[in-house]
Amino acid sequence: MNIVETILVYALIPGAIYGVVALVTLRSKFAGTPRYRPGQPWEYAPMWWSGNPDGIGAHRQVTSGQTAGTAAGGARGSW
């Protein structure tokens, strides 16, 4: 094997493989939609998200007259 074949096998082919992988991973970054950045105006309507949509109205609110000990819920999950 001469020096040209050695450089081709051990340098150019692996370099081409790394280049293809780099282009594939960066493709989504350049082709994606622009992201929200702090300080930009939010152009979407507010939306309430819950992991349990059936239980959205199931909790009770703590009013200003109640103490923290009478609120439902907590670490035990006794809602």
PDB file of N, CA and C in Angstrom:
ATOM      1  N   MET A   1       0.843  -1.171   0.000  1.00  0.00           N
ATOM      2  CA  MET A   1       0.000   0.000   0.000  1.00  0.00           C
ATOM      3  C   MET A   1       0.899   1.249   0.000  1.00  0.00           C
ATOM      4  N   ASN A   2       0.648   2.153  -0.910  1.00  0.00           N
ATOM      5  CA  ASN A   2       1.471   3.358  -0.962  1.00  0.00           C
ATOM      6  C   ASN A   2       0.898   4.447  -0.053  1.00  0.00           C
ATOM      7  N   ILE A   3       1.550   5.575   0.025  1.00  0.00           N
ATOM      8  CA  ILE A   3       1.183   6.650   0.942  1.00  0.00           C
ATOM      9  C   ILE A   3      -0.170   7.272   0.600  1.00  0.00           C
ATOM     10  N   VAL A   4      -0.518   7.354  -0.686  1.00  0.00           N
ATOM     11  CA  VAL A   4      -1.802   7.926  -1.096  1.00  0.00           C
ATOM     12  C   VAL A   4      -2.948   7.034  -0.641  1.00  0.00           C
ATOM     13  N   GLU A   5      -2.801   5.744  -0.813  1.00  0.00           N
ATOM     14  CA  GLU A   5      -3.848   4.815  -0.358  1.00  0.00           C
ATOM     15  C   GLU A   5      -3.981   4.835   1.159  1.00  0.00           C
ATOM     16  N   THR A   6      -2.892   4.959   1.866  1.00  0.00           N
ATOM     17  CA  THR A   6      -2.923   5.006   3.330  1.00  0.00           C
ATOM     18  C   THR A   6      -3.649   6.259   3.810  1.00  0.00           C
ATOM     19  N   ILE A   7      -3.354   7.403   3.230  1.00  0.00           N
ATOM     20  CA  ILE A   7      -4.044   8.642   3.607  1.00  0.00           C
ATOM     21  C   ILE A   7      -5.528   8.551   3.274  1.00  0.00           C
ATOM     22  N   LEU A   8      -5.851   7.973   2.130  1.00  0.00           N
ATOM     23  CA  LEU A   8      -7.246   7.830   1.737  1.00  0.00           C
ATOM     24  C   LEU A   8      -8.016   6.962   2.722  1.00  0.00           C
ATOM     25  N   VAL A   9      -7.438   5.839   3.097  1.00  0.00           N
ATOM     26  CA  VAL A   9      -8.137   4.898   3.979  1.00  0.00           C
ATOM     27  C   VAL A   9      -8.223   5.418   5.404  1.00  0.00           C
ATOM     28  N   TYR A  10      -7.132   5.979   5.926  1.00  0.00           N
ATOM     29  CA  TYR A  10      -7.098   6.344   7.342  1.00  0.00           C
ATOM     30  C   TYR A  10      -7.456   7.799   7.638  1.00  0.00           C
ATOM     31  N   ALA A  11      -7.570   8.656   6.651  1.00  0.00           N
ATOM     32  CA  ALA A  11      -7.868  10.069   6.907  1.00  0.00           C
ATOM     33  C   ALA A  11      -9.103  10.554   6.161  1.00  0.00           C
ATOM     34  N   LEU A  12      -9.152  10.385   4.862  1.00  0.00           N
ATOM     35  CA  LEU A  12     -10.250  10.965   4.088  1.00  0.00           C
ATOM     36  C   LEU A  12     -11.568  10.225   4.291  1.00  0.00           C
ATOM     37  N   ILE A  13     -11.552   8.914   4.302  1.00  0.00           N
ATOM     38  CA  ILE A  13     -12.811   8.167   4.478  1.00  0.00           C
ATOM     39  C   ILE A  13     -13.402   8.413   5.868  1.00  0.00           C
ATOM     40  N   PRO A  14     -12.645   8.287   6.959  1.00  0.00           N
ATOM     41  CA  PRO A  14     -13.234   8.622   8.267  1.00  0.00           C
ATOM     42  C   PRO A  14     -13.646  10.089   8.369  1.00  0.00           C
ATOM     43  N   GLY A  15     -12.870  10.986   7.763  1.00  0.00           N
ATOM     44  CA  GLY A  15     -13.250  12.399   7.766  1.00  0.00           C
ATOM     45  C   GLY A  15     -14.556  12.641   7.035  1.00  0.00           C
ATOM     46  N   ALA A  16     -14.775  11.946   5.932  1.00  0.00           N
ATOM     47  CA  ALA A  16     -16.036  12.069   5.198  1.00  0.00           C
ATOM     48  C   ALA A  16     -17.196  11.529   6.026  1.00  0.00           C
ATOM     49  N   ILE A  17     -16.984  10.436   6.737  1.00  0.00           N
ATOM     50  CA  ILE A  17     -18.049   9.877   7.586  1.00  0.00           C
ATOM     51  C   ILE A  17     -18.400  10.859   8.703  1.00  0.00           C
ATOM     52  N   TYR A  18     -17.390  11.437   9.364  1.00  0.00           N
ATOM     53  CA  TYR A  18     -17.656  12.439  10.406  1.00  0.00           C
ATOM     54  C   TYR A  18     -18.370  13.662   9.825  1.00  0.00           C
ATOM     55  N   GLY A  19     -18.007  14.064   8.634  1.00  0.00           N
ATOM     56  CA  GLY A  19     -18.664  15.207   7.988  1.00  0.00           C
ATOM     57  C   GLY A  19     -20.127  14.941   7.695  1.00  0.00           C
ATOM     58  N   VAL A  20     -20.442  13.742   7.214  1.00  0.00           N
ATOM     59  CA  VAL A  20     -21.841  13.396   6.929  1.00  0.00           C
ATOM     60  C   VAL A  20     -22.653  13.360   8.223  1.00  0.00           C
ATOM     61  N   VAL A  21     -22.097  12.777   9.277  1.00  0.00           N
ATOM     62  CA  VAL A  21     -22.808  12.730  10.562  1.00  0.00           C
ATOM     63  C   VAL A  21     -23.017  14.141  11.104  1.00  0.00           C
ATOM     64  N   ALA A  22     -22.021  15.003  10.982  1.00  0.00           N
ATOM     65  CA  ALA A  22     -22.162  16.387  11.453  1.00  0.00           C
ATOM     66  C   ALA A  22     -23.248  17.126  10.678  1.00  0.00           C
ATOM     67  N   LEU A  23     -23.301  16.943   9.375  1.00  0.00           N
ATOM     68  CA  LEU A  23     -24.339  17.607   8.580  1.00  0.00           C
ATOM     69  C   LEU A  23     -25.729  17.092   8.925  1.00  0.00           C
ATOM     70  N   VAL A  24     -25.861  15.812   9.179  1.00  0.00           N
ATOM     71  CA  VAL A  24     -27.171  15.243   9.527  1.00  0.00           C
ATOM     72  C   VAL A  24     -27.634  15.780  10.883  1.00  0.00           C
ATOM     73  N   THR A  25     -26.730  15.896  11.847  1.00  0.00           N
ATOM     74  CA  THR A  25     -27.147  16.385  13.163  1.00  0.00           C
ATOM     75  C   THR A  25     -27.418  17.882  13.180  1.00  0.00           C
ATOM     76  N   LEU A  26     -26.735  18.654  12.358  1.00  0.00           N
ATOM     77  CA  LEU A  26     -26.954  20.100  12.330  1.00  0.00           C
ATOM     78  C   LEU A  26     -28.091  20.509  11.402  1.00  0.00           C
ATOM     79  N   ARG A  27     -28.570  19.594  10.595  1.00  0.00           N
ATOM     80  CA  ARG A  27     -29.632  19.912   9.643  1.00  0.00           C
ATOM     81  C   ARG A  27     -30.886  20.390  10.359  1.00  0.00           C
ATOM     82  N   SER A  28     -31.278  19.736  11.444  1.00  0.00           N
ATOM     83  CA  SER A  28     -32.501  20.141  12.146  1.00  0.00           C
ATOM     84  C   SER A  28     -32.343  21.508  12.804  1.00  0.00           C
ATOM     85  N   LYS A  29     -31.128  21.865  13.195  1.00  0.00           N
ATOM     86  CA  LYS A  29     -30.918  23.173  13.811  1.00  0.00           C
ATOM     87  C   LYS A  29     -31.124  24.302  12.808  1.00  0.00           C
ATOM     88  N   PHE A  30     -30.663  24.116  11.594  1.00  0.00           N
ATOM     89  CA  PHE A  30     -30.780  25.162  10.588  1.00  0.00           C
ATOM     90  C   PHE A  30     -32.145  25.182   9.910  1.00  0.00           C
ATOM     91  N   ALA A  31     -32.837  24.049   9.861  1.00  0.00           N
ATOM     92  CA  ALA A  31     -34.115  23.969   9.161  1.00  0.00           C
ATOM     93  C   ALA A  31     -35.302  24.136  10.098  1.00  0.00           C
ATOM     94  N   GLY A  32     -35.080  24.179  11.406  1.00  0.00           N
ATOM     95  CA  GLY A  32     -36.173  24.238  12.365  1.00  0.00           C
ATOM     96  C   GLY A  32     -36.830  25.603  12.436  1.00  0.00           C
ATOM     97  N   THR A  33     -37.966  25.657  13.103  1.00  0.00           N
ATOM     98  CA  THR A  33     -38.663  26.916  13.307  1.00  0.00           C
ATOM     99  C   THR A  33     -37.923  27.742  14.354  1.00  0.00           C
ATOM    100  N   PRO A  34     -38.042  29.047  14.309  1.00  0.00           N
ATOM    101  CA  PRO A  34     -37.355  29.872  15.305  1.00  0.00           C
ATOM    102  C   PRO A  34     -37.909  29.620  16.702  1.00  0.00           C
ATOM    103  N   ARG A  35     -37.032  29.622  17.689  1.00  0.00           N
ATOM    104  CA  ARG A  35     -37.417  29.344  19.065  1.00  0.00           C
ATOM    105  C   ARG A  35     -37.770  30.636  19.792  1.00  0.00           C
ATOM    106  N   TYR A  36     -38.541  30.482  20.866  1.00  0.00           N
ATOM    107  CA  TYR A  36     -38.857  31.624  21.722  1.00  0.00           C
ATOM    108  C   TYR A  36     -37.627  31.959  22.560  1.00  0.00           C
ATOM    109  N   ARG A  37     -37.306  33.215  22.640  1.00  0.00           N
ATOM    110  CA  ARG A  37     -36.208  33.707  23.466  1.00  0.00           C
ATOM    111  C   ARG A  37     -36.760  34.682  24.497  1.00  0.00           C
ATOM    112  N   PRO A  38     -36.232  34.696  25.701  1.00  0.00           N
ATOM    113  CA  PRO A  38     -36.714  35.627  26.725  1.00  0.00           C
ATOM    114  C   PRO A  38     -36.654  37.064  26.230  1.00  0.00           C
ATOM    115  N   GLY A  39     -37.713  37.793  26.495  1.00  0.00           N
ATOM    116  CA  GLY A  39     -37.806  39.178  26.073  1.00  0.00           C
ATOM    117  C   GLY A  39     -38.625  39.363  24.811  1.00  0.00           C
ATOM    118  N   GLN A  40     -38.853  38.298  24.058  1.00  0.00           N
ATOM    119  CA  GLN A  40     -39.685  38.398  22.865  1.00  0.00           C
ATOM    120  C   GLN A  40     -41.157  38.346  23.272  1.00  0.00           C
ATOM    121  N   PRO A  41     -42.025  38.978  22.513  1.00  0.00           N
ATOM    122  CA  PRO A  41     -43.452  38.884  22.854  1.00  0.00           C
ATOM    123  C   PRO A  41     -43.977  37.472  22.591  1.00  0.00           C
ATOM    124  N   TRP A  42     -44.878  37.025  23.455  1.00  0.00           N
ATOM    125  CA  TRP A  42     -45.499  35.706  23.310  1.00  0.00           C
ATOM    126  C   TRP A  42     -46.745  35.876  22.457  1.00  0.00           C
ATOM    127  N   GLU A  43     -46.802  35.208  21.314  1.00  0.00           N
ATOM    128  CA  GLU A  43     -47.863  35.425  20.331  1.00  0.00           C
ATOM    129  C   GLU A  43     -48.956  34.364  20.354  1.00  0.00           C
ATOM    130  N   TYR A  44     -49.001  33.555  21.409  1.00  0.00           N
ATOM    131  CA  TYR A  44     -49.968  32.462  21.459  1.00  0.00           C
ATOM    132  C   TYR A  44     -50.926  32.674  22.622  1.00  0.00           C
ATOM    133  N   ALA A  45     -52.114  32.114  22.498  1.00  0.00           N
ATOM    134  CA  ALA A  45     -53.109  32.218  23.565  1.00  0.00           C
ATOM    135  C   ALA A  45     -52.672  31.380  24.760  1.00  0.00           C
ATOM    136  N   PRO A  46     -52.996  31.823  26.002  1.00  0.00           N
ATOM    137  CA  PRO A  46     -52.637  31.020  27.164  1.00  0.00           C
ATOM    138  C   PRO A  46     -53.427  29.719  27.189  1.00  0.00           C
ATOM    139  N   MET A  47     -52.791  28.673  27.685  1.00  0.00           N
ATOM    140  CA  MET A  47     -53.432  27.361  27.722  1.00  0.00           C
ATOM    141  C   MET A  47     -53.099  26.702  29.057  1.00  0.00           C
ATOM    142  N   TRP A  48     -54.124  26.159  29.708  1.00  0.00           N
ATOM    143  CA  TRP A  48     -53.926  25.467  30.970  1.00  0.00           C
ATOM    144  C   TRP A  48     -53.548  24.036  30.660  1.00  0.00           C
ATOM    145  N   TRP A  49     -52.452  23.569  31.254  1.00  0.00           N
ATOM    146  CA  TRP A  49     -52.012  22.199  31.036  1.00  0.00           C
ATOM    147  C   TRP A  49     -52.077  21.450  32.340  1.00  0.00           C
ATOM    148  N   SER A  50     -52.562  20.237  32.275  1.00  0.00           N
ATOM    149  CA  SER A  50     -52.612  19.387  33.450  1.00  0.00           C
ATOM    150  C   SER A  50     -52.262  17.970  33.036  1.00  0.00           C
ATOM    151  N   GLY A  51     -51.508  17.282  33.862  1.00  0.00           N
ATOM    152  CA  GLY A  51     -51.182  15.890  33.600  1.00  0.00           C
ATOM    153  C   GLY A  51     -52.393  14.992  33.791  1.00  0.00           C
ATOM    154  N   ASN A  52     -53.395  15.476  34.522  1.00  0.00           N
ATOM    155  CA  ASN A  52     -54.612  14.720  34.766  1.00  0.00           C
ATOM    156  C   ASN A  52     -55.801  15.614  34.414  1.00  0.00           C
ATOM    157  N   PRO A  53     -56.254  15.645  33.147  1.00  0.00           N
ATOM    158  CA  PRO A  53     -57.334  16.545  32.762  1.00  0.00           C
ATOM    159  C   PRO A  53     -58.646  16.273  33.489  1.00  0.00           C
ATOM    160  N   ASP A  54     -58.865  15.036  33.945  1.00  0.00           N
ATOM    161  CA  ASP A  54     -60.110  14.733  34.652  1.00  0.00           C
ATOM    162  C   ASP A  54     -60.142  15.363  36.042  1.00  0.00           C
ATOM    163  N   GLY A  55     -58.989  15.649  36.616  1.00  0.00           N
ATOM    164  CA  GLY A  55     -58.947  16.167  37.975  1.00  0.00           C
ATOM    165  C   GLY A  55     -58.709  17.658  38.066  1.00  0.00           C
ATOM    166  N   ILE A  56     -58.939  18.391  37.003  1.00  0.00           N
ATOM    167  CA  ILE A  56     -58.657  19.830  37.010  1.00  0.00           C
ATOM    168  C   ILE A  56     -59.492  20.561  38.039  1.00  0.00           C
ATOM    169  N   GLY A  57     -60.770  20.286  38.142  1.00  0.00           N
ATOM    170  CA  GLY A  57     -61.621  21.002  39.085  1.00  0.00           C
ATOM    171  C   GLY A  57     -61.761  20.296  40.419  1.00  0.00           C
ATOM    172  N   ALA A  58     -60.997  19.237  40.668  1.00  0.00           N
ATOM    173  CA  ALA A  58     -61.208  18.423  41.856  1.00  0.00           C
ATOM    174  C   ALA A  58     -60.548  18.973  43.111  1.00  0.00           C
ATOM    175  N   HIS A  59     -59.644  19.938  43.035  1.00  0.00           N
ATOM    176  CA  HIS A  59     -58.991  20.452  44.228  1.00  0.00           C
ATOM    177  C   HIS A  59     -59.743  21.671  44.745  1.00  0.00           C
ATOM    178  N   ARG A  60     -59.510  21.987  45.997  1.00  0.00           N
ATOM    179  CA  ARG A  60     -60.176  23.153  46.566  1.00  0.00           C
ATOM    180  C   ARG A  60     -59.157  24.248  46.816  1.00  0.00           C
ATOM    181  N   GLN A  61     -59.595  25.470  46.681  1.00  0.00           N
ATOM    182  CA  GLN A  61     -58.727  26.627  46.858  1.00  0.00           C
ATOM    183  C   GLN A  61     -58.630  26.987  48.340  1.00  0.00           C
ATOM    184  N   VAL A  62     -57.483  27.485  48.753  1.00  0.00           N
ATOM    185  CA  VAL A  62     -57.289  27.964  50.119  1.00  0.00           C
ATOM    186  C   VAL A  62     -57.578  29.456  50.110  1.00  0.00           C
ATOM    187  N   THR A  63     -58.524  29.881  50.927  1.00  0.00           N
ATOM    188  CA  THR A  63     -58.843  31.306  51.014  1.00  0.00           C
ATOM    189  C   THR A  63     -57.919  31.976  52.023  1.00  0.00           C
ATOM    190  N   SER A  64     -57.957  33.270  52.072  1.00  0.00           N
ATOM    191  CA  SER A  64     -57.054  34.004  52.957  1.00  0.00           C
ATOM    192  C   SER A  64     -57.385  33.768  54.429  1.00  0.00           C
ATOM    193  N   GLY A  65     -58.602  33.382  54.766  1.00  0.00           N
ATOM    194  CA  GLY A  65     -58.983  33.148  56.156  1.00  0.00           C
ATOM    195  C   GLY A  65     -58.517  31.810  56.689  1.00  0.00           C
ATOM    196  N   GLN A  66     -58.152  30.882  55.827  1.00  0.00           N
ATOM    197  CA  GLN A  66     -57.730  29.568  56.283  1.00  0.00           C
ATOM    198  C   GLN A  66     -56.241  29.565  56.597  1.00  0.00           C
ATOM    199  N   THR A  67     -55.853  28.684  57.491  1.00  0.00           N
ATOM    200  CA  THR A  67     -54.428  28.529  57.776  1.00  0.00           C
ATOM    201  C   THR A  67     -53.863  27.462  56.856  1.00  0.00           C
ATOM    202  N   ALA A  68     -52.558  27.389  56.824  1.00  0.00           N
ATOM    203  CA  ALA A  68     -51.903  26.437  55.929  1.00  0.00           C
ATOM    204  C   ALA A  68     -52.201  24.998  56.327  1.00  0.00           C
ATOM    205  N   GLY A  69     -52.514  24.747  57.605  1.00  0.00           N
ATOM    206  CA  GLY A  69     -52.764  23.380  58.061  1.00  0.00           C
ATOM    207  C   GLY A  69     -54.088  22.815  57.585  1.00  0.00           C
ATOM    208  N   THR A  70     -55.013  23.642  57.139  1.00  0.00           N
ATOM    209  CA  THR A  70     -56.322  23.138  56.717  1.00  0.00           C
ATOM    210  C   THR A  70     -56.403  22.931  55.214  1.00  0.00           C
ATOM    211  N   ALA A  71     -55.348  23.212  54.489  1.00  0.00           N
ATOM    212  CA  ALA A  71     -55.378  23.035  53.036  1.00  0.00           C
ATOM    213  C   ALA A  71     -55.276  21.551  52.694  1.00  0.00           C
ATOM    214  N   ALA A  72     -55.975  21.150  51.655  1.00  0.00           N
ATOM    215  CA  ALA A  72     -55.916  19.758  51.211  1.00  0.00           C
ATOM    216  C   ALA A  72     -54.663  19.542  50.375  1.00  0.00           C
ATOM    217  N   GLY A  73     -54.244  18.289  50.315  1.00  0.00           N
ATOM    218  CA  GLY A  73     -53.096  17.960  49.475  1.00  0.00           C
ATOM    219  C   GLY A  73     -51.847  17.790  50.300  1.00  0.00           C
ATOM    220  N   GLY A  74     -50.720  17.965  49.679  1.00  0.00           N
ATOM    221  CA  GLY A  74     -49.459  17.840  50.380  1.00  0.00           C
ATOM    222  C   GLY A  74     -48.629  16.706  49.812  1.00  0.00           C
ATOM    223  N   ALA A  75     -47.583  16.339  50.548  1.00  0.00           N
ATOM    224  CA  ALA A  75     -46.663  15.320  50.067  1.00  0.00           C
ATOM    225  C   ALA A  75     -47.302  13.945  50.017  1.00  0.00           C
ATOM    226  N   ARG A  76     -48.297  13.685  50.841  1.00  0.00           N
ATOM    227  CA  ARG A  76     -48.947  12.377  50.858  1.00  0.00           C
ATOM    228  C   ARG A  76     -49.962  12.233  49.729  1.00  0.00           C
ATOM    229  N   GLY A  77     -50.381  13.306  49.146  1.00  0.00           N
ATOM    230  CA  GLY A  77     -51.357  13.247  48.072  1.00  0.00           C
ATOM    231  C   GLY A  77     -52.775  12.990  48.565  1.00  0.00           C
ATOM    232  N   SER A  78     -53.075  13.362  49.785  1.00  0.00           N
ATOM    233  CA  SER A  78     -54.434  13.165  50.300  1.00  0.00           C
ATOM    234  C   SER A  78     -55.271  14.381  49.920  1.00  0.00           C
ATOM    235  N   TRP A  79     -55.696  14.408  48.712  1.00  0.00           N
ATOM    236  CA  TRP A  79     -56.438  15.543  48.185  1.00  0.00           C
ATOM    237  C   TRP A  79     -57.842  15.491  48.706  1.00  0.00           C
TER     238      TRP A  79
END
